[in-house]
Every structure is written in C-alpha cells, then in structure tokens.
C-alpha cells in the first residue's frame, strides 16, 4: 500500500481534475504514480506531462526513450517504474529479451542501443561525470547534440518519478517484472 493516502481520481476537483483529464486523454486512465503526484502537486504533474510532450516531439525514438527510462529505473531500484517502462517498452516495439538485457546491462545485439545503454548507465552511476572518450563514443554511435539534450531530459524526468515512487512506495498497477 502506498504511503500517501491518495483520494480517488474521480473525486478530484480544480487543477488536479484538469491534469487528470490530460493524463486520461493520453493514457486512457490515471496510473497510481500520476494519481498521487497530481493529488498533492498538480503543477508538478502538469510539468511532467509538458516535459513528456517535449520528449515525444523531440529527436529520440520511443524505443530510445523507453530504453533510457527503463535503465534508469532499474539502476535506481524503482520497481514501479521498471514495471511501467517494461510495458511501455514492449508497446514501443522492444522485444522482451532486449528489455531483460537492458535491465541487466548486457548487450542487446543492437550496437546503437547498446551504446545508449552504456552511456546512460555511466551518466547515472557517475552523476553525469564522464570522460571525453565516453562523449566521443556516444557521438560515434550516431547520437546528435539535440539527442544528448533529450537523453538528459529523459533521465531527469524518470529520476523524479523514481524518487517519488520510492518515497511513496507507490502501489503497482502495471504487470510486475521479475
């Protein structure tokens, strides 16, 4: 059970109801993490949705975004986000075996995805401190300067939800990942 008592989504009013309507429009329902964030910080949830829209119209493919979010969630130990991004990764076209390999830090057989996975893991584990050779490697893999901005934004967003879910111990409403 989540630590924060979250009122029912149906009883929301004002700014919270408005932001829940935005989530429903995109996702069809309001996941538990967004319900809790929206109940106590509707402006924060609105900011997340706006940043997600920036990413959706940005330079990275959905598979790349889900790779980043899944990997960061795995490294931070957020079971909720691992479950969510495993499901979203499948919906984006990532194969179940690739999802397992991304989580485990093993090669997927896709050189560009593997370069992204290595780069993101390094960024997370070193708090962003990387050698010039690592920067050169991600550029050599074909990632552009604009994509480096989007990689940074994707990491920042998922770190927020990972942290919130760890604080809240958000009740899982996605299929659990083993």
N, C-alpha and C. Protein backbone atom coordinates (compact mmCIF):
# COMPACT_ATOMS: atom_id res chain seq x y z
N UNK A 1 0.84 -1.18 0.00
CA UNK A 1 0.00 0.00 0.00
C UNK A 1 0.89 1.24 0.00
N UNK A 2 0.49 2.21 -0.78
CA UNK A 2 1.25 3.46 -0.87
C UNK A 2 1.26 4.19 0.46
N UNK A 3 2.30 4.94 0.70
CA UNK A 3 2.43 5.67 1.96
C UNK A 3 1.54 6.91 2.02
N UNK A 4 1.35 7.58 0.87
CA UNK A 4 0.50 8.76 0.83
C UNK A 4 -0.93 8.33 0.53
N UNK A 5 -1.86 8.77 1.34
CA UNK A 5 -3.27 8.46 1.08
C UNK A 5 -3.71 9.30 -0.12
N UNK A 6 -4.04 8.65 -1.20
CA UNK A 6 -4.40 9.35 -2.42
C UNK A 6 -5.91 9.28 -2.60
N UNK A 7 -6.57 10.43 -2.63
CA UNK A 7 -8.01 10.43 -2.86
C UNK A 7 -8.33 9.80 -4.22
N UNK A 8 -9.54 9.34 -4.39
CA UNK A 8 -9.91 8.72 -5.66
C UNK A 8 -9.78 9.74 -6.79
N UNK A 9 -9.38 9.26 -7.92
CA UNK A 9 -9.22 10.11 -9.10
C UNK A 9 -10.56 10.75 -9.45
N UNK A 10 -11.66 10.01 -9.28
CA UNK A 10 -12.99 10.50 -9.62
C UNK A 10 -13.43 11.68 -8.75
N UNK A 11 -12.89 11.78 -7.55
CA UNK A 11 -13.31 12.86 -6.65
C UNK A 11 -12.48 14.13 -6.82
N UNK A 12 -11.51 14.12 -7.71
CA UNK A 12 -10.62 15.28 -7.90
C UNK A 12 -11.40 16.48 -8.43
N UNK A 13 -10.95 17.66 -8.00
CA UNK A 13 -11.54 18.91 -8.47
C UNK A 13 -10.42 19.88 -8.85
N UNK A 14 -10.78 20.96 -9.47
CA UNK A 14 -9.85 22.04 -9.77
C UNK A 14 -8.68 21.61 -10.63
N UNK A 15 -7.48 22.10 -10.28
CA UNK A 15 -6.27 21.85 -11.06
C UNK A 15 -5.96 20.36 -11.14
N UNK A 16 -6.24 19.63 -10.07
CA UNK A 16 -5.98 18.20 -10.06
C UNK A 16 -6.87 17.49 -11.07
N UNK A 17 -8.16 17.82 -11.09
CA UNK A 17 -9.07 17.21 -12.06
C UNK A 17 -8.65 17.54 -13.50
N UNK A 18 -8.21 18.76 -13.70
CA UNK A 18 -7.77 19.17 -15.05
C UNK A 18 -6.57 18.36 -15.52
N UNK A 19 -5.59 18.18 -14.66
CA UNK A 19 -4.39 17.45 -15.05
C UNK A 19 -4.70 15.97 -15.21
N UNK A 20 -5.60 15.42 -14.38
CA UNK A 20 -6.01 14.03 -14.56
C UNK A 20 -6.69 13.84 -15.91
N UNK A 21 -7.48 14.83 -16.33
CA UNK A 21 -8.14 14.74 -17.64
C UNK A 21 -7.09 14.69 -18.76
N UNK A 22 -6.01 15.43 -18.61
CA UNK A 22 -4.92 15.38 -19.59
C UNK A 22 -4.31 13.99 -19.65
N UNK A 23 -4.08 13.39 -18.48
CA UNK A 23 -3.49 12.05 -18.43
C UNK A 23 -4.44 11.05 -19.08
N UNK A 24 -5.72 11.12 -18.73
CA UNK A 24 -6.71 10.18 -19.30
C UNK A 24 -6.76 10.29 -20.81
N UNK A 25 -6.64 11.50 -21.32
CA UNK A 25 -6.70 11.72 -22.78
C UNK A 25 -5.57 10.98 -23.48
N UNK A 26 -4.41 10.93 -22.87
CA UNK A 26 -3.24 10.28 -23.47
C UNK A 26 -3.19 8.79 -23.13
N UNK A 27 -3.43 8.46 -21.87
CA UNK A 27 -3.20 7.09 -21.40
C UNK A 27 -4.47 6.26 -21.23
N UNK A 28 -5.62 6.90 -21.22
CA UNK A 28 -6.86 6.18 -21.03
C UNK A 28 -7.28 6.06 -19.57
N UNK A 29 -6.32 6.11 -18.67
CA UNK A 29 -6.57 6.06 -17.24
C UNK A 29 -5.45 6.82 -16.54
N UNK A 30 -5.57 6.95 -15.23
CA UNK A 30 -4.56 7.67 -14.46
C UNK A 30 -3.77 6.65 -13.64
N UNK A 31 -2.51 6.37 -14.02
CA UNK A 31 -1.70 5.43 -13.24
C UNK A 31 -1.52 5.93 -11.81
N UNK A 32 -1.30 4.99 -10.91
CA UNK A 32 -1.18 5.33 -9.48
C UNK A 32 -0.15 6.41 -9.20
N UNK A 33 0.98 6.36 -9.88
CA UNK A 33 2.01 7.37 -9.61
C UNK A 33 1.52 8.75 -9.97
N UNK A 34 0.82 8.89 -11.11
CA UNK A 34 0.30 10.19 -11.52
C UNK A 34 -0.86 10.61 -10.62
N UNK A 35 -1.64 9.65 -10.13
CA UNK A 35 -2.74 9.97 -9.21
C UNK A 35 -2.18 10.59 -7.93
N UNK A 36 -1.13 10.00 -7.40
CA UNK A 36 -0.54 10.52 -6.16
C UNK A 36 0.15 11.85 -6.38
N UNK A 37 0.92 11.96 -7.44
CA UNK A 37 1.60 13.23 -7.72
C UNK A 37 0.57 14.33 -7.93
N UNK A 38 -0.45 14.04 -8.73
CA UNK A 38 -1.47 15.04 -9.03
C UNK A 38 -2.29 15.44 -7.83
N UNK A 39 -2.53 14.51 -6.91
CA UNK A 39 -3.32 14.82 -5.72
C UNK A 39 -2.62 15.85 -4.85
N UNK A 40 -1.30 15.77 -4.77
CA UNK A 40 -0.55 16.65 -3.87
C UNK A 40 0.24 17.73 -4.59
N UNK A 41 0.45 17.56 -5.88
CA UNK A 41 1.22 18.53 -6.65
C UNK A 41 0.75 18.60 -8.09
N UNK A 42 -0.46 19.11 -8.33
CA UNK A 42 -0.95 19.14 -9.70
C UNK A 42 -0.04 19.92 -10.65
N UNK A 43 0.61 20.95 -10.16
CA UNK A 43 1.54 21.71 -11.02
C UNK A 43 2.75 20.85 -11.39
N UNK A 44 3.21 20.02 -10.45
CA UNK A 44 4.33 19.12 -10.75
C UNK A 44 3.92 18.10 -11.81
N UNK A 45 2.72 17.53 -11.68
CA UNK A 45 2.26 16.57 -12.69
C UNK A 45 2.09 17.25 -14.04
N UNK A 46 1.58 18.46 -14.04
CA UNK A 46 1.45 19.21 -15.30
C UNK A 46 2.82 19.43 -15.94
N UNK A 47 3.81 19.76 -15.13
CA UNK A 47 5.18 19.95 -15.64
C UNK A 47 5.73 18.66 -16.23
N UNK A 48 5.46 17.54 -15.57
CA UNK A 48 5.90 16.24 -16.09
C UNK A 48 5.27 15.99 -17.46
N UNK A 49 3.97 16.23 -17.56
CA UNK A 49 3.27 16.00 -18.83
C UNK A 49 3.80 16.91 -19.93
N UNK A 50 4.10 18.15 -19.58
CA UNK A 50 4.65 19.07 -20.57
C UNK A 50 6.04 18.61 -21.03
N UNK A 51 6.85 18.17 -20.10
CA UNK A 51 8.19 17.67 -20.46
C UNK A 51 8.09 16.40 -21.29
N UNK A 52 7.14 15.53 -20.95
CA UNK A 52 6.93 14.31 -21.75
C UNK A 52 6.51 14.67 -23.17
N UNK A 53 5.71 15.72 -23.33
CA UNK A 53 5.31 16.17 -24.67
C UNK A 53 6.53 16.69 -25.45
N UNK A 54 7.42 17.37 -24.76
CA UNK A 54 8.66 17.83 -25.40
C UNK A 54 9.46 16.62 -25.90
N UNK A 55 9.58 15.61 -25.06
CA UNK A 55 10.31 14.40 -25.46
C UNK A 55 9.63 13.69 -26.61
N UNK A 56 8.30 13.61 -26.57
CA UNK A 56 7.56 12.91 -27.63
C UNK A 56 7.76 13.57 -28.99
N UNK A 57 7.95 14.89 -28.98
CA UNK A 57 8.16 15.59 -30.25
C UNK A 57 9.64 15.85 -30.51
N UNK A 58 10.48 15.27 -29.69
CA UNK A 58 11.92 15.51 -29.79
C UNK A 58 12.62 14.60 -30.78
N UNK A 59 13.89 14.44 -30.54
CA UNK A 59 14.78 13.79 -31.51
C UNK A 59 15.01 12.31 -31.27
N UNK A 60 14.49 11.77 -30.16
CA UNK A 60 14.71 10.35 -29.85
C UNK A 60 13.48 9.52 -30.20
N UNK A 61 13.71 8.32 -30.67
CA UNK A 61 12.63 7.38 -30.94
C UNK A 61 12.03 6.90 -29.62
N UNK A 62 10.78 6.45 -29.65
CA UNK A 62 10.13 5.93 -28.44
C UNK A 62 10.93 4.80 -27.82
N UNK A 63 11.51 3.94 -28.66
CA UNK A 63 12.32 2.84 -28.12
C UNK A 63 13.51 3.37 -27.34
N UNK A 64 14.13 4.43 -27.85
CA UNK A 64 15.26 5.02 -27.13
C UNK A 64 14.81 5.61 -25.80
N UNK A 65 13.68 6.33 -25.81
CA UNK A 65 13.16 6.91 -24.58
C UNK A 65 12.85 5.85 -23.54
N UNK A 66 12.21 4.77 -23.97
CA UNK A 66 11.88 3.70 -23.02
C UNK A 66 13.12 2.95 -22.56
N UNK A 67 14.12 2.84 -23.42
CA UNK A 67 15.40 2.25 -23.02
C UNK A 67 16.00 3.06 -21.88
N UNK A 68 16.02 4.37 -22.05
CA UNK A 68 16.58 5.26 -21.03
C UNK A 68 15.80 5.14 -19.73
N UNK A 69 14.49 5.25 -19.82
CA UNK A 69 13.65 5.25 -18.62
C UNK A 69 13.71 3.91 -17.90
N UNK A 70 13.73 2.83 -18.65
CA UNK A 70 13.82 1.51 -18.03
C UNK A 70 15.17 1.34 -17.33
N UNK A 71 16.23 1.70 -17.99
CA UNK A 71 17.56 1.54 -17.43
C UNK A 71 17.74 2.38 -16.17
N UNK A 72 17.34 3.63 -16.21
CA UNK A 72 17.48 4.50 -15.04
C UNK A 72 16.65 3.94 -13.89
N UNK A 73 15.45 3.46 -14.18
CA UNK A 73 14.58 2.89 -13.14
C UNK A 73 15.20 1.65 -12.53
N UNK A 74 15.82 0.83 -13.35
CA UNK A 74 16.49 -0.38 -12.86
C UNK A 74 17.65 0.00 -11.94
N UNK A 75 18.48 0.94 -12.38
CA UNK A 75 19.64 1.34 -11.60
C UNK A 75 19.20 1.96 -10.27
N UNK A 76 18.11 2.72 -10.28
CA UNK A 76 17.66 3.36 -9.04
C UNK A 76 16.83 2.43 -8.15
N UNK A 77 16.44 1.28 -8.70
CA UNK A 77 15.69 0.32 -7.91
C UNK A 77 14.21 0.64 -7.76
N UNK A 78 13.63 1.34 -8.72
CA UNK A 78 12.22 1.69 -8.67
C UNK A 78 11.40 0.61 -9.37
N UNK A 79 10.86 -0.32 -8.59
CA UNK A 79 10.07 -1.41 -9.15
C UNK A 79 8.86 -0.90 -9.93
N UNK A 80 8.24 0.17 -9.44
CA UNK A 80 7.08 0.72 -10.13
C UNK A 80 7.46 1.16 -11.54
N UNK A 81 8.52 1.95 -11.66
CA UNK A 81 8.91 2.46 -12.98
C UNK A 81 9.51 1.37 -13.87
N UNK A 82 10.16 0.38 -13.28
CA UNK A 82 10.64 -0.76 -14.07
C UNK A 82 9.45 -1.46 -14.71
N UNK A 83 8.39 -1.68 -13.93
CA UNK A 83 7.19 -2.33 -14.47
C UNK A 83 6.55 -1.46 -15.55
N UNK A 84 6.40 -0.18 -15.27
CA UNK A 84 5.76 0.72 -16.24
C UNK A 84 6.55 0.80 -17.53
N UNK A 85 7.86 0.97 -17.43
CA UNK A 85 8.66 1.16 -18.64
C UNK A 85 8.96 -0.16 -19.36
N UNK A 86 8.83 -1.27 -18.66
CA UNK A 86 8.89 -2.56 -19.36
C UNK A 86 7.66 -2.70 -20.26
N UNK A 87 6.49 -2.37 -19.72
CA UNK A 87 5.27 -2.45 -20.51
C UNK A 87 5.29 -1.43 -21.66
N UNK A 88 5.68 -0.20 -21.35
CA UNK A 88 5.74 0.83 -22.38
C UNK A 88 6.82 0.51 -23.42
N UNK A 89 7.91 -0.11 -22.98
CA UNK A 89 8.95 -0.53 -23.92
C UNK A 89 8.42 -1.58 -24.90
N UNK A 90 7.66 -2.53 -24.38
CA UNK A 90 7.03 -3.53 -25.26
C UNK A 90 6.10 -2.85 -26.25
N UNK A 91 5.32 -1.89 -25.76
CA UNK A 91 4.39 -1.17 -26.63
C UNK A 91 5.14 -0.36 -27.70
N UNK A 92 6.37 0.05 -27.38
CA UNK A 92 7.19 0.80 -28.33
C UNK A 92 7.92 -0.12 -29.31
N UNK A 93 7.81 -1.43 -29.10
CA UNK A 93 8.41 -2.38 -30.03
C UNK A 93 9.67 -3.06 -29.54
N UNK A 94 10.07 -2.83 -28.30
CA UNK A 94 11.24 -3.52 -27.76
C UNK A 94 10.84 -4.95 -27.40
N UNK A 95 11.64 -5.90 -27.77
CA UNK A 95 11.38 -7.32 -27.51
C UNK A 95 11.63 -7.62 -26.02
N UNK A 96 10.89 -8.58 -25.47
CA UNK A 96 11.08 -8.94 -24.05
C UNK A 96 12.54 -9.28 -23.72
N UNK A 97 13.22 -9.97 -24.59
CA UNK A 97 14.63 -10.32 -24.33
C UNK A 97 15.50 -9.06 -24.27
N UNK A 98 15.24 -8.10 -25.16
CA UNK A 98 16.00 -6.85 -25.15
C UNK A 98 15.74 -6.08 -23.85
N UNK A 99 14.50 -6.09 -23.39
CA UNK A 99 14.18 -5.41 -22.13
C UNK A 99 14.96 -6.01 -20.97
N UNK A 100 15.04 -7.33 -20.93
CA UNK A 100 15.83 -8.01 -19.88
C UNK A 100 17.31 -7.64 -20.00
N UNK A 101 17.82 -7.61 -21.22
CA UNK A 101 19.24 -7.29 -21.43
C UNK A 101 19.54 -5.85 -21.03
N UNK A 102 18.64 -4.94 -21.36
CA UNK A 102 18.83 -3.53 -20.98
C UNK A 102 18.91 -3.42 -19.47
N UNK A 103 17.99 -4.07 -18.77
CA UNK A 103 17.97 -4.02 -17.31
C UNK A 103 19.24 -4.61 -16.71
N UNK A 104 19.74 -5.67 -17.33
CA UNK A 104 20.92 -6.37 -16.79
C UNK A 104 22.24 -5.75 -17.23
N UNK A 105 22.17 -4.76 -18.11
CA UNK A 105 23.40 -4.16 -18.62
C UNK A 105 24.14 -5.05 -19.59
N UNK A 106 23.41 -5.94 -20.25
CA UNK A 106 24.00 -6.86 -21.22
C UNK A 106 23.74 -6.36 -22.64
N UNK A 107 24.60 -6.74 -23.57
CA UNK A 107 24.40 -6.32 -24.96
C UNK A 107 23.08 -6.87 -25.52
N UNK A 108 22.43 -6.04 -26.35
CA UNK A 108 21.18 -6.45 -26.99
C UNK A 108 21.40 -6.93 -28.41
N UNK A 109 22.59 -6.68 -28.93
CA UNK A 109 22.86 -7.00 -30.33
C UNK A 109 22.60 -5.83 -31.26
N UNK A 110 22.06 -4.75 -30.72
CA UNK A 110 21.83 -3.52 -31.48
C UNK A 110 22.91 -2.54 -31.01
N UNK A 111 23.91 -2.31 -31.85
CA UNK A 111 25.07 -1.52 -31.44
C UNK A 111 24.70 -0.12 -30.96
N UNK A 112 23.76 0.52 -31.65
CA UNK A 112 23.39 1.88 -31.25
C UNK A 112 22.65 1.86 -29.90
N UNK A 113 21.74 0.91 -29.71
CA UNK A 113 21.03 0.80 -28.42
C UNK A 113 22.01 0.47 -27.31
N UNK A 114 22.96 -0.41 -27.60
CA UNK A 114 23.96 -0.78 -26.59
C UNK A 114 24.82 0.42 -26.21
N UNK A 115 25.15 1.27 -27.18
CA UNK A 115 25.92 2.48 -26.87
C UNK A 115 25.09 3.41 -25.99
N UNK A 116 23.80 3.54 -26.29
CA UNK A 116 22.92 4.36 -25.47
C UNK A 116 22.83 3.81 -24.05
N UNK A 117 22.64 2.52 -23.93
CA UNK A 117 22.54 1.88 -22.62
C UNK A 117 23.81 2.11 -21.81
N UNK A 118 24.93 1.91 -22.44
CA UNK A 118 26.22 2.12 -21.73
C UNK A 118 26.36 3.57 -21.28
N UNK A 119 26.03 4.49 -22.17
CA UNK A 119 26.17 5.91 -21.88
C UNK A 119 25.24 6.33 -20.73
N UNK A 120 23.99 5.92 -20.80
CA UNK A 120 23.03 6.30 -19.76
C UNK A 120 23.41 5.69 -18.42
N UNK A 121 23.79 4.43 -18.42
CA UNK A 121 24.20 3.80 -17.16
C UNK A 121 25.39 4.55 -16.56
N UNK A 122 26.34 4.91 -17.39
CA UNK A 122 27.51 5.66 -16.92
C UNK A 122 27.10 7.02 -16.36
N UNK A 123 26.21 7.71 -17.06
CA UNK A 123 25.73 9.01 -16.56
C UNK A 123 25.09 8.88 -15.18
N UNK A 124 24.24 7.88 -15.04
CA UNK A 124 23.53 7.69 -13.77
C UNK A 124 24.50 7.29 -12.66
N UNK A 125 25.38 6.38 -12.95
CA UNK A 125 26.30 5.88 -11.92
C UNK A 125 27.37 6.88 -11.52
N UNK A 126 27.67 7.85 -12.40
CA UNK A 126 28.70 8.84 -12.09
C UNK A 126 28.13 10.23 -11.85
N UNK A 127 26.81 10.32 -11.73
CA UNK A 127 26.13 11.62 -11.59
C UNK A 127 26.51 12.56 -12.74
N UNK A 128 26.70 11.99 -13.91
CA UNK A 128 26.94 12.78 -15.10
C UNK A 128 28.38 13.11 -15.40
N UNK A 129 29.29 12.62 -14.59
CA UNK A 129 30.71 12.90 -14.82
C UNK A 129 31.26 11.84 -15.77
N UNK A 130 31.58 12.27 -16.98
CA UNK A 130 32.06 11.31 -17.99
C UNK A 130 33.35 11.81 -18.62
N UNK A 131 34.11 10.86 -19.10
CA UNK A 131 35.36 11.18 -19.79
C UNK A 131 35.06 11.60 -21.23
N UNK A 132 35.99 12.31 -21.81
CA UNK A 132 35.86 12.72 -23.22
C UNK A 132 35.67 11.50 -24.12
N UNK A 133 36.31 10.39 -23.78
CA UNK A 133 36.18 9.19 -24.60
C UNK A 133 34.75 8.65 -24.60
N UNK A 134 34.03 8.80 -23.49
CA UNK A 134 32.62 8.38 -23.42
C UNK A 134 31.74 9.29 -24.26
N UNK A 135 32.03 10.57 -24.22
CA UNK A 135 31.31 11.52 -25.07
C UNK A 135 31.56 11.18 -26.53
N UNK A 136 32.80 10.92 -26.87
CA UNK A 136 33.14 10.58 -28.25
C UNK A 136 32.45 9.28 -28.68
N UNK A 137 32.33 8.32 -27.76
CA UNK A 137 31.70 7.04 -28.09
C UNK A 137 30.22 7.19 -28.41
N UNK A 138 29.51 8.01 -27.64
CA UNK A 138 28.08 8.17 -27.90
C UNK A 138 27.88 8.95 -29.20
N UNK A 139 28.73 9.89 -29.46
CA UNK A 139 28.66 10.62 -30.73
C UNK A 139 28.98 9.69 -31.90
N UNK A 140 29.98 8.83 -31.72
CA UNK A 140 30.36 7.87 -32.78
C UNK A 140 29.25 6.87 -33.05
N UNK A 141 28.42 6.61 -32.04
CA UNK A 141 27.29 5.69 -32.21
C UNK A 141 26.18 6.33 -33.03
N UNK A 142 26.28 7.63 -33.27
CA UNK A 142 25.30 8.30 -34.12
C UNK A 142 24.34 9.23 -33.40
N UNK A 143 24.55 9.45 -32.11
CA UNK A 143 23.66 10.34 -31.37
C UNK A 143 24.09 11.79 -31.58
N UNK A 144 23.11 12.65 -31.85
CA UNK A 144 23.36 14.05 -32.16
C UNK A 144 23.38 14.90 -30.88
N UNK A 145 23.79 16.14 -31.04
CA UNK A 145 23.79 17.06 -29.91
C UNK A 145 22.36 17.24 -29.37
N UNK A 146 21.39 17.37 -30.26
CA UNK A 146 19.99 17.51 -29.84
C UNK A 146 19.53 16.26 -29.08
N UNK A 147 19.97 15.11 -29.50
CA UNK A 147 19.60 13.89 -28.80
C UNK A 147 20.25 13.81 -27.42
N UNK A 148 21.43 14.37 -27.26
CA UNK A 148 22.05 14.42 -25.94
C UNK A 148 21.22 15.27 -24.98
N UNK A 149 20.62 16.33 -25.50
CA UNK A 149 19.71 17.15 -24.68
C UNK A 149 18.51 16.30 -24.27
N UNK A 150 17.91 15.59 -25.23
CA UNK A 150 16.74 14.77 -24.94
C UNK A 150 17.07 13.61 -24.00
N UNK A 151 18.25 13.03 -24.14
CA UNK A 151 18.70 11.98 -23.21
C UNK A 151 18.74 12.55 -21.79
N UNK A 152 19.29 13.75 -21.65
CA UNK A 152 19.37 14.39 -20.33
C UNK A 152 18.00 14.66 -19.75
N UNK A 153 17.06 15.13 -20.58
CA UNK A 153 15.71 15.41 -20.10
C UNK A 153 15.00 14.12 -19.70
N UNK A 154 15.15 13.08 -20.50
CA UNK A 154 14.52 11.79 -20.17
C UNK A 154 15.04 11.26 -18.83
N UNK A 155 16.34 11.37 -18.61
CA UNK A 155 16.92 10.93 -17.33
C UNK A 155 16.34 11.75 -16.19
N UNK A 156 16.28 13.07 -16.35
CA UNK A 156 15.77 13.93 -15.29
C UNK A 156 14.32 13.59 -14.95
N UNK A 157 13.50 13.35 -15.94
CA UNK A 157 12.09 13.03 -15.68
C UNK A 157 11.93 11.72 -14.93
N UNK A 158 12.65 10.72 -15.37
CA UNK A 158 12.48 9.42 -14.73
C UNK A 158 13.12 9.40 -13.35
N UNK A 159 14.15 10.18 -13.12
CA UNK A 159 14.71 10.28 -11.77
C UNK A 159 13.66 10.88 -10.83
N UNK A 160 12.90 11.86 -11.30
CA UNK A 160 11.83 12.44 -10.47
C UNK A 160 10.81 11.38 -10.11
N UNK A 161 10.28 10.65 -11.09
CA UNK A 161 9.25 9.66 -10.78
C UNK A 161 9.82 8.50 -9.98
N UNK A 162 11.06 8.11 -10.26
CA UNK A 162 11.70 7.06 -9.45
C UNK A 162 11.77 7.50 -7.99
N UNK A 163 12.22 8.71 -7.76
CA UNK A 163 12.38 9.22 -6.41
C UNK A 163 11.02 9.30 -5.71
N UNK A 164 10.04 9.86 -6.40
CA UNK A 164 8.71 9.97 -5.80
C UNK A 164 8.15 8.58 -5.46
N UNK A 165 8.28 7.64 -6.38
CA UNK A 165 7.74 6.30 -6.13
C UNK A 165 8.46 5.60 -5.00
N UNK A 166 9.72 5.87 -4.83
CA UNK A 166 10.47 5.27 -3.71
C UNK A 166 10.01 5.89 -2.39
N UNK A 167 9.77 7.21 -2.38
CA UNK A 167 9.25 7.87 -1.18
C UNK A 167 7.86 7.33 -0.85
N UNK A 168 7.00 7.27 -1.86
CA UNK A 168 5.60 6.89 -1.66
C UNK A 168 5.39 5.39 -1.55
N UNK A 169 6.32 4.60 -2.04
CA UNK A 169 6.12 3.16 -2.17
C UNK A 169 4.82 2.92 -2.94
N UNK A 170 4.74 3.58 -4.10
CA UNK A 170 3.53 3.57 -4.93
C UNK A 170 3.10 2.16 -5.26
N UNK A 171 1.82 1.90 -5.03
CA UNK A 171 1.25 0.59 -5.30
C UNK A 171 1.28 0.31 -6.80
N UNK A 172 1.80 -0.85 -7.15
CA UNK A 172 1.98 -1.24 -8.54
C UNK A 172 0.64 -1.47 -9.23
N UNK A 173 0.45 -0.81 -10.37
CA UNK A 173 -0.73 -1.04 -11.19
C UNK A 173 -0.35 -1.39 -12.63
N UNK A 174 0.86 -1.88 -12.80
CA UNK A 174 1.38 -2.44 -14.05
C UNK A 174 1.80 -3.86 -13.77
N UNK A 175 1.90 -4.70 -14.80
CA UNK A 175 2.38 -6.07 -14.55
C UNK A 175 3.78 -6.04 -13.94
N UNK A 176 3.96 -6.79 -12.85
CA UNK A 176 5.27 -6.84 -12.17
C UNK A 176 6.30 -7.49 -13.08
N UNK A 177 7.53 -7.06 -12.93
CA UNK A 177 8.64 -7.60 -13.72
C UNK A 177 9.52 -8.43 -12.79
N UNK A 178 9.87 -9.60 -13.24
CA UNK A 178 10.71 -10.49 -12.44
C UNK A 178 12.16 -10.36 -12.84
